[in-house]
Amino acid sequence: MKKVLDNCVFCGQRGEALRPITFSNSFTAYQFLQAGSGACPQCFKLFQNPKTRKTSWILHGEDGEIRELEHPLETLLNPPNPPFFIYLTKQKRKHGWIRVINYPALNRDKFIIAYEENRVLIDRQRLAKLVEFARRLRSRNIPVNILLSGNPSASQVRRFKLTREEIDELKTMRGDFQWEIAEKFSQD
């Protein structure tokens, strides 16, 4: 009788070496799981390690080890040679890495990362411009809510000396995760 192989619930890899998974009551990423009955050794290691939820990290193809990112922006602007996975967190409690485990970065200039539970396409050239813009605005002590909402009041425009071009630029970037990443991590 032929042995049936099963799939990893995280990456979908088929194999016999699946490890059983028990989810806690606080696990909320069921919508990102695939059909299967366990986890492959690599995904099991990611799932069991609390660092994969609580820190920003990179998994590089050379050695398969997880390395915490102390300065994520430096890594995004100068990533290692592919393949790699990058997970960035701000809430420090999600399993957002599940969203990109099937999307290894194969290019240093444009690649997908996980940011919380979102997949974000990083374009290094654009990110560098966004970081420069964020740092220029932050040097004027403009609050985060203005930078992310793109909707300053008239008094805020005067107070922070925002130009029409800056306001227009901020409005176009509302909801842009790459802008949010540039703004958040340019402070480090």
C-alpha atoms as a PDB file:
ATOM      1  CA  MET A   1       0.000   0.000   0.000  1.00  0.00           C
ATOM      2  CA  LYS A   2       1.309   3.434  -0.970  1.00  0.00           C
ATOM      3  CA  LYS A   3       2.083   5.780   1.928  1.00  0.00           C
ATOM      4  CA  VAL A   4       0.121   9.050   1.775  1.00  0.00           C
ATOM      5  CA  LEU A   5       2.143  12.220   2.275  1.00  0.00           C
ATOM      6  CA  ASP A   6       0.567  15.182   4.028  1.00  0.00           C
ATOM      7  CA  ASN A   7       1.169  18.939   3.782  1.00  0.00           C
ATOM      8  CA  CYS A   8       2.625  21.485   6.189  1.00  0.00           C
ATOM      9  CA  VAL A   9      -0.158  23.809   7.393  1.00  0.00           C
ATOM     10  CA  PHE A  10       2.188  26.816   7.040  1.00  0.00           C
ATOM     11  CA  CYS A  11       4.179  26.423   3.813  1.00  0.00           C
ATOM     12  CA  GLY A  12       2.316  23.569   2.113  1.00  0.00           C
ATOM     13  CA  GLN A  13       5.453  21.446   1.750  1.00  0.00           C
ATOM     14  CA  ARG A  14       4.724  17.757   1.381  1.00  0.00           C
ATOM     15  CA  GLY A  15       6.584  15.251   3.432  1.00  0.00           C
ATOM     16  CA  GLU A  16       6.651  12.525   5.994  1.00  0.00           C
ATOM     17  CA  ALA A  17       8.509  14.487   8.694  1.00  0.00           C
ATOM     18  CA  LEU A  18       5.575  16.657   9.765  1.00  0.00           C
ATOM     19  CA  ARG A  19       5.366  17.539  13.429  1.00  0.00           C
ATOM     20  CA  PRO A  20       1.981  17.829  15.151  1.00  0.00           C
ATOM     21  CA  ILE A  21       0.881  21.389  15.929  1.00  0.00           C
ATOM     22  CA  THR A  22      -1.230  22.578  18.825  1.00  0.00           C
ATOM     23  CA  PHE A  23      -2.580  26.107  18.560  1.00  0.00           C
ATOM     24  CA  SER A  24      -3.150  28.214  21.655  1.00  0.00           C
ATOM     25  CA  ASN A  25      -6.508  29.848  22.319  1.00  0.00           C
ATOM     26  CA  SER A  26      -4.947  33.210  21.432  1.00  0.00           C
ATOM     27  CA  PHE A  27      -3.811  32.125  17.931  1.00  0.00           C
ATOM     28  CA  THR A  28      -5.618  34.310  15.380  1.00  0.00           C
ATOM     29  CA  ALA A  29      -3.965  33.546  12.030  1.00  0.00           C
ATOM     30  CA  TYR A  30      -6.097  30.567  10.997  1.00  0.00           C
ATOM     31  CA  GLN A  31      -7.033  32.301   7.753  1.00  0.00           C
ATOM     32  CA  PHE A  32      -3.404  32.030   6.571  1.00  0.00           C
ATOM     33  CA  LEU A  33      -3.081  28.263   7.152  1.00  0.00           C
ATOM     34  CA  GLN A  34      -3.178  25.651   4.420  1.00  0.00           C
ATOM     35  CA  ALA A  35      -4.723  22.206   4.436  1.00  0.00           C
ATOM     36  CA  GLY A  36      -2.502  19.784   6.302  1.00  0.00           C
ATOM     37  CA  SER A  37      -2.025  17.963   9.554  1.00  0.00           C
ATOM     38  CA  GLY A  38       1.246  19.299  10.939  1.00  0.00           C
ATOM     39  CA  ALA A  39       4.304  21.435  10.303  1.00  0.00           C
ATOM     40  CA  CYS A  40       7.513  20.734   8.433  1.00  0.00           C
ATOM     41  CA  PRO A  41      10.645  20.978  10.613  1.00  0.00           C
ATOM     42  CA  GLN A  42      11.501  24.549   9.496  1.00  0.00           C
ATOM     43  CA  CYS A  43       7.970  25.930   9.997  1.00  0.00           C
ATOM     44  CA  PHE A  44       7.637  24.073  13.299  1.00  0.00           C
ATOM     45  CA  LYS A  45      10.809  25.799  14.481  1.00  0.00           C
ATOM     46  CA  LEU A  46       9.399  29.206  13.411  1.00  0.00           C
ATOM     47  CA  PHE A  47       6.055  28.563  15.077  1.00  0.00           C
ATOM     48  CA  GLN A  48       7.522  27.343  18.369  1.00  0.00           C
ATOM     49  CA  ASN A  49       9.985  30.231  18.702  1.00  0.00           C
ATOM     50  CA  PRO A  50       8.308  33.224  20.457  1.00  0.00           C
ATOM     51  CA  LYS A  51      10.879  35.536  18.810  1.00  0.00           C
ATOM     52  CA  THR A  52       9.131  35.043  15.465  1.00  0.00           C
ATOM     53  CA  ARG A  53       6.097  36.909  16.841  1.00  0.00           C
ATOM     54  CA  LYS A  54       7.762  39.409  19.125  1.00  0.00           C
ATOM     55  CA  THR A  55      10.683  40.707  17.067  1.00  0.00           C
ATOM     56  CA  SER A  56      11.519  41.795  13.554  1.00  0.00           C
ATOM     57  CA  TRP A  57      13.748  39.191  11.950  1.00  0.00           C
ATOM     58  CA  ILE A  58      15.329  37.787   8.827  1.00  0.00           C
ATOM     59  CA  LEU A  59      15.648  34.179   7.783  1.00  0.00           C
ATOM     60  CA  HIS A  60      18.517  33.876   5.340  1.00  0.00           C
ATOM     61  CA  GLY A  61      18.896  30.946   2.967  1.00  0.00           C
ATOM     62  CA  GLU A  62      22.591  30.393   3.688  1.00  0.00           C
ATOM     63  CA  ASP A  63      22.155  28.856   7.114  1.00  0.00           C
ATOM     64  CA  GLY A  64      18.400  28.895   7.748  1.00  0.00           C
ATOM     65  CA  GLU A  65      18.866  30.666  11.087  1.00  0.00           C
ATOM     66  CA  ILE A  66      16.588  33.415  12.341  1.00  0.00           C
ATOM     67  CA  ARG A  67      18.396  36.656  13.092  1.00  0.00           C
ATOM     68  CA  GLU A  68      16.745  39.493  14.963  1.00  0.00           C
ATOM     69  CA  LEU A  69      16.824  42.819  13.126  1.00  0.00           C
ATOM     70  CA  GLU A  70      17.924  45.590  15.441  1.00  0.00           C
ATOM     71  CA  HIS A  71      17.825  48.130  12.588  1.00  0.00           C
ATOM     72  CA  PRO A  72      15.306  46.778  10.073  1.00  0.00           C
ATOM     73  CA  LEU A  73      15.628  49.730   7.723  1.00  0.00           C
ATOM     74  CA  GLU A  74      19.325  49.028   7.156  1.00  0.00           C
ATOM     75  CA  THR A  75      18.460  45.465   6.133  1.00  0.00           C
ATOM     76  CA  LEU A  76      15.629  46.582   3.846  1.00  0.00           C
ATOM     77  CA  LEU A  77      17.871  49.107   2.118  1.00  0.00           C
ATOM     78  CA  ASN A  78      20.803  46.704   1.898  1.00  0.00           C
ATOM     79  CA  PRO A  79      19.459  43.134   2.021  1.00  0.00           C
ATOM     80  CA  PRO A  80      21.639  40.040   1.797  1.00  0.00           C
ATOM     81  CA  ASN A  81      21.853  37.950  -1.320  1.00  0.00           C
ATOM     82  CA  PRO A  82      18.669  35.952  -1.892  1.00  0.00           C
ATOM     83  CA  PRO A  83      16.904  33.846  -0.850  1.00  0.00           C
ATOM     84  CA  PHE A  84      15.669  35.405   2.387  1.00  0.00           C
ATOM     85  CA  PHE A  85      12.474  36.185   4.340  1.00  0.00           C
ATOM     86  CA  ILE A  86      11.931  39.349   6.352  1.00  0.00           C
ATOM     87  CA  TYR A  87       9.274  39.855   9.005  1.00  0.00           C
ATOM     88  CA  LEU A  88       8.687  43.267  10.600  1.00  0.00           C
ATOM     89  CA  THR A  89       6.478  43.792  13.610  1.00  0.00           C
ATOM     90  CA  LYS A  90       5.162  46.761  15.518  1.00  0.00           C
ATOM     91  CA  GLN A  91       2.608  45.019  17.759  1.00  0.00           C
ATOM     92  CA  LYS A  92       4.973  42.179  18.707  1.00  0.00           C
ATOM     93  CA  ARG A  93       2.284  39.512  18.955  1.00  0.00           C
ATOM     94  CA  LYS A  94       1.311  38.250  15.485  1.00  0.00           C
ATOM     95  CA  HIS A  95       2.352  35.275  13.387  1.00  0.00           C
ATOM     96  CA  GLY A  96       2.567  37.455  10.269  1.00  0.00           C
ATOM     97  CA  TRP A  97       5.474  35.436   8.889  1.00  0.00           C
ATOM     98  CA  ILE A  98       2.937  32.841   7.733  1.00  0.00           C
ATOM     99  CA  ARG A  99       1.899  35.292   4.991  1.00  0.00           C
ATOM    100  CA  VAL A 100       5.340  35.282   3.309  1.00  0.00           C
ATOM    101  CA  ILE A 101       6.733  31.832   3.999  1.00  0.00           C
ATOM    102  CA  ASN A 102       5.827  30.912   0.400  1.00  0.00           C
ATOM    103  CA  TYR A 103       7.348  34.106  -1.022  1.00  0.00           C
ATOM    104  CA  PRO A 104      11.097  33.994  -0.523  1.00  0.00           C
ATOM    105  CA  ALA A 105      12.886  37.108  -1.713  1.00  0.00           C
ATOM    106  CA  LEU A 106      14.718  36.252  -4.913  1.00  0.00           C
ATOM    107  CA  ASN A 107      15.743  39.772  -5.850  1.00  0.00           C
ATOM    108  CA  ARG A 108      17.542  42.425  -3.805  1.00  0.00           C
ATOM    109  CA  ASP A 109      15.810  45.385  -5.453  1.00  0.00           C
ATOM    110  CA  LYS A 110      12.159  44.337  -5.230  1.00  0.00           C
ATOM    111  CA  PHE A 111      10.938  41.739  -2.770  1.00  0.00           C
ATOM    112  CA  ILE A 112       8.001  40.830  -0.575  1.00  0.00           C
ATOM    113  CA  ILE A 113       8.169  41.016   3.218  1.00  0.00           C
ATOM    114  CA  ALA A 114       5.672  40.459   6.013  1.00  0.00           C
ATOM    115  CA  TYR A 115       4.733  43.552   7.997  1.00  0.00           C
ATOM    116  CA  GLU A 116       2.488  42.367  10.809  1.00  0.00           C
ATOM    117  CA  GLU A 117      -0.094  40.323   8.861  1.00  0.00           C
ATOM    118  CA  ASN A 118       0.382  42.196   5.587  1.00  0.00           C
ATOM    119  CA  ARG A 119       2.412  41.265   2.538  1.00  0.00           C
ATOM    120  CA  VAL A 120       4.326  44.320   1.374  1.00  0.00           C
ATOM    121  CA  LEU A 121       6.282  44.729  -1.845  1.00  0.00           C
ATOM    122  CA  ILE A 122       9.496  46.573  -1.053  1.00  0.00           C
ATOM    123  CA  ASP A 123      11.071  48.577  -3.847  1.00  0.00           C
ATOM    124  CA  ARG A 124      14.472  49.570  -2.458  1.00  0.00           C
ATOM    125  CA  GLN A 125      14.842  52.642  -4.661  1.00  0.00           C
ATOM    126  CA  ARG A 126      11.430  54.005  -3.671  1.00  0.00           C
ATOM    127  CA  LEU A 127      11.974  53.063  -0.015  1.00  0.00           C
ATOM    128  CA  ALA A 128      15.208  55.080   0.071  1.00  0.00           C
ATOM    129  CA  LYS A 129      13.310  58.165  -1.181  1.00  0.00           C
ATOM    130  CA  LEU A 130      10.526  57.608   1.358  1.00  0.00           C
ATOM    131  CA  VAL A 131      13.043  57.310   4.204  1.00  0.00           C
ATOM    132  CA  GLU A 132      14.701  60.562   3.154  1.00  0.00           C
ATOM    133  CA  PHE A 133      11.288  62.275   3.037  1.00  0.00           C
ATOM    134  CA  ALA A 134      10.289  60.838   6.445  1.00  0.00           C
ATOM    135  CA  ARG A 135      13.538  61.973   8.071  1.00  0.00           C
ATOM    136  CA  ARG A 136      13.199  65.452   6.590  1.00  0.00           C
ATOM    137  CA  LEU A 137       9.668  65.796   7.992  1.00  0.00           C
ATOM    138  CA  ARG A 138      10.564  64.198  11.335  1.00  0.00           C
ATOM    139  CA  SER A 139      13.392  66.704  11.781  1.00  0.00           C
ATOM    140  CA  ARG A 140      10.603  69.318  12.050  1.00  0.00           C
ATOM    141  CA  ASN A 141       8.940  67.272  14.836  1.00  0.00           C
ATOM    142  CA  ILE A 142       5.827  66.572  12.796  1.00  0.00           C
ATOM    143  CA  PRO A 143       3.642  64.076  14.699  1.00  0.00           C
ATOM    144  CA  VAL A 144       3.191  60.544  13.383  1.00  0.00           C
ATOM    145  CA  ASN A 145      -0.573  60.935  13.013  1.00  0.00           C
ATOM    146  CA  ILE A 146      -0.044  63.757  10.485  1.00  0.00           C
ATOM    147  CA  LEU A 147       2.602  61.782   8.591  1.00  0.00           C
ATOM    148  CA  LEU A 148       0.395  58.701   8.295  1.00  0.00           C
ATOM    149  CA  SER A 149      -2.991  60.372   7.816  1.00  0.00           C
ATOM    150  CA  GLY A 150      -1.757  62.936   5.315  1.00  0.00           C
ATOM    151  CA  ASN A 151      -4.440  65.292   6.521  1.00  0.00           C
ATOM    152  CA  PRO A 152      -3.005  68.190   8.542  1.00  0.00           C
ATOM    153  CA  SER A 153      -5.250  70.993   9.736  1.00  0.00           C
ATOM    154  CA  ALA A 154      -4.596  74.563   8.584  1.00  0.00           C
ATOM    155  CA  SER A 155      -2.975  75.395  11.930  1.00  0.00           C
ATOM    156  CA  GLN A 156      -0.699  72.326  11.628  1.00  0.00           C
ATOM    157  CA  VAL A 157       0.310  73.347   8.111  1.00  0.00           C
ATOM    158  CA  ARG A 158       1.394  76.756   9.456  1.00  0.00           C
ATOM    159  CA  ARG A 159       2.976  75.376  12.628  1.00  0.00           C
ATOM    160  CA  PHE A 160       5.107  72.763  10.855  1.00  0.00           C
ATOM    161  CA  LYS A 161       5.655  74.890   7.728  1.00  0.00           C
ATOM    162  CA  LEU A 162       4.347  72.174   5.422  1.00  0.00           C
ATOM    163  CA  THR A 163       4.494  72.979   1.735  1.00  0.00           C
ATOM    164  CA  ARG A 164       1.705  72.181  -0.716  1.00  0.00           C
ATOM    165  CA  GLU A 165       4.003  69.551  -2.326  1.00  0.00           C
ATOM    166  CA  GLU A 166       4.632  67.869   1.037  1.00  0.00           C
ATOM    167  CA  ILE A 167       0.914  67.792   1.840  1.00  0.00           C
ATOM    168  CA  ASP A 168       0.089  66.365  -1.599  1.00  0.00           C
ATOM    169  CA  GLU A 169       2.797  63.735  -1.186  1.00  0.00           C
ATOM    170  CA  LEU A 170       1.496  62.749   2.252  1.00  0.00           C
ATOM    171  CA  LYS A 171      -2.048  62.436   0.887  1.00  0.00           C
ATOM    172  CA  THR A 172      -0.933  60.073  -1.887  1.00  0.00           C
ATOM    173  CA  MET A 173       0.813  57.817   0.638  1.00  0.00           C
ATOM    174  CA  ARG A 174      -2.166  57.305   2.959  1.00  0.00           C
ATOM    175  CA  GLY A 175      -2.476  53.568   3.644  1.00  0.00           C
ATOM    176  CA  ASP A 176       0.814  52.772   1.863  1.00  0.00           C
ATOM    177  CA  PHE A 177       2.596  50.157   3.990  1.00  0.00           C
ATOM    178  CA  GLN A 178       5.965  50.971   2.448  1.00  0.00           C
ATOM    179  CA  TRP A 179       5.504  54.591   3.614  1.00  0.00           C
ATOM    180  CA  GLU A 180       4.445  53.391   7.075  1.00  0.00           C
ATOM    181  CA  ILE A 181       7.583  51.238   7.273  1.00  0.00           C
ATOM    182  CA  ALA A 182       9.789  54.152   6.133  1.00  0.00           C
ATOM    183  CA  GLU A 183       8.196  56.472   8.684  1.00  0.00           C
ATOM    184  CA  LYS A 184       8.258  54.020  11.597  1.00  0.00           C
ATOM    185  CA  PHE A 185      11.742  52.605  11.139  1.00  0.00           C
ATOM    186  CA  SER A 186      13.449  55.871  10.064  1.00  0.00           C
ATOM    187  CA  GLN A 187      13.324  56.816  13.760  1.00  0.00           C
ATOM    188  CA  ASP A 188      15.771  54.053  14.719  1.00  0.00           C
END
